[in-house]
Amino acid sequence: MTPDAILALYDWQIGACFRCGQADLFVTRVDEIVTPRGEKYELSACGSCVLAMEEERRRFAERRGRAYDPGGLGRGGA
């Protein structure tokens, strides 16, 4: 699957990337943190970081002998 096809699997909005720290660029929600006090913080990543994390997911699936299904960030997909 091409990088553009992987990125097309996600919804994008302007924000900041939790992984590389860049702000005011297109990001997609990948997870959230809930503090002990119940506060929720959304984690979003830019396209470059999403592709890096998808590559990590692909390699993990390959090592485990599992099928890689792109687009699983933020949906509990490993």
Protein backbone atom coordinates (compact mmCIF):
# COMPACT_ATOMS: atom_id res chain seq x y z
CA MET A 1 0.00 0.00 0.00
CA THR A 2 1.37 3.44 -0.89
CA PRO A 3 1.99 6.13 1.74
CA ASP A 4 -0.79 8.28 0.24
CA ALA A 5 -3.24 5.37 0.47
CA ILE A 6 -2.32 4.78 4.13
CA LEU A 7 -2.76 8.48 4.98
CA ALA A 8 -6.14 8.49 3.21
CA LEU A 9 -7.39 5.99 5.83
CA TYR A 10 -7.33 8.72 8.48
CA ASP A 11 -9.32 11.90 9.18
CA TRP A 12 -7.21 15.06 9.32
CA GLN A 13 -7.49 18.42 11.08
CA ILE A 14 -5.11 21.23 12.00
CA GLY A 15 -3.30 20.66 15.28
CA ALA A 16 -0.03 19.64 16.92
CA CYS A 17 1.82 16.34 16.66
CA PHE A 18 2.53 14.67 20.00
CA ARG A 19 5.39 12.67 18.52
CA CYS A 20 7.56 15.25 16.73
CA GLY A 21 6.22 18.37 18.43
CA GLN A 22 5.33 20.31 15.29
CA ALA A 23 2.28 22.57 15.51
CA ASP A 24 -0.21 24.05 13.05
CA LEU A 25 -0.17 21.18 10.58
CA PHE A 26 -2.57 18.43 9.58
CA VAL A 27 -2.79 15.74 12.27
CA THR A 28 -5.00 12.76 13.01
CA ARG A 29 -6.12 11.44 16.38
CA VAL A 30 -4.15 8.34 17.37
CA ASP A 31 -4.97 7.90 21.05
CA GLU A 32 -5.90 9.66 24.26
CA ILE A 33 -4.53 9.86 27.77
CA VAL A 34 -6.83 9.82 30.78
CA THR A 35 -5.28 11.15 33.96
CA PRO A 36 -6.05 9.75 37.40
CA ARG A 37 -8.30 12.81 37.90
CA GLY A 38 -10.31 11.84 34.81
CA GLU A 39 -8.98 14.55 32.51
CA LYS A 40 -8.69 13.47 28.88
CA TYR A 41 -5.98 14.60 26.50
CA GLU A 42 -6.09 13.70 22.83
CA LEU A 43 -2.90 12.54 21.14
CA SER A 44 -2.61 13.44 17.47
CA ALA A 45 0.16 12.77 14.96
CA CYS A 46 1.25 14.34 11.67
CA GLY A 47 1.45 12.41 8.42
CA SER A 48 5.16 11.74 8.68
CA CYS A 49 4.81 10.33 12.19
CA VAL A 50 1.71 8.32 11.22
CA LEU A 51 3.70 6.68 8.42
CA ALA A 52 6.55 5.90 10.84
CA MET A 53 4.12 4.37 13.35
CA GLU A 54 2.37 2.39 10.60
CA GLU A 55 5.76 1.01 9.54
CA GLU A 56 6.37 -0.05 13.15
CA ARG A 57 2.95 -1.75 13.18
CA ARG A 58 3.75 -3.51 9.88
CA ARG A 59 7.09 -4.82 11.18
CA PHE A 60 5.48 -5.94 14.46
CA ALA A 61 2.78 -7.87 12.59
CA GLU A 62 5.41 -9.43 10.33
CA ARG A 63 7.50 -10.59 13.30
CA ARG A 64 4.42 -12.14 14.90
CA GLY A 65 3.27 -13.83 11.70
CA ARG A 66 0.09 -11.75 11.64
CA ALA A 67 -1.59 -9.84 8.85
CA TYR A 68 -0.88 -6.12 8.74
CA ASP A 69 -4.01 -4.01 8.40
CA PRO A 70 -3.10 -0.33 7.89
CA GLY A 71 -5.22 2.41 9.37
CA GLY A 72 -5.47 0.95 12.87
CA LEU A 73 -3.84 3.75 14.85
CA GLY A 74 -6.34 5.10 17.34
CA ARG A 75 -8.62 2.08 16.96
CA GLY A 76 -6.76 -0.25 19.26
CA GLY A 77 -5.11 -1.98 16.30
CA ALA A 78 -1.67 -3.39 17.01
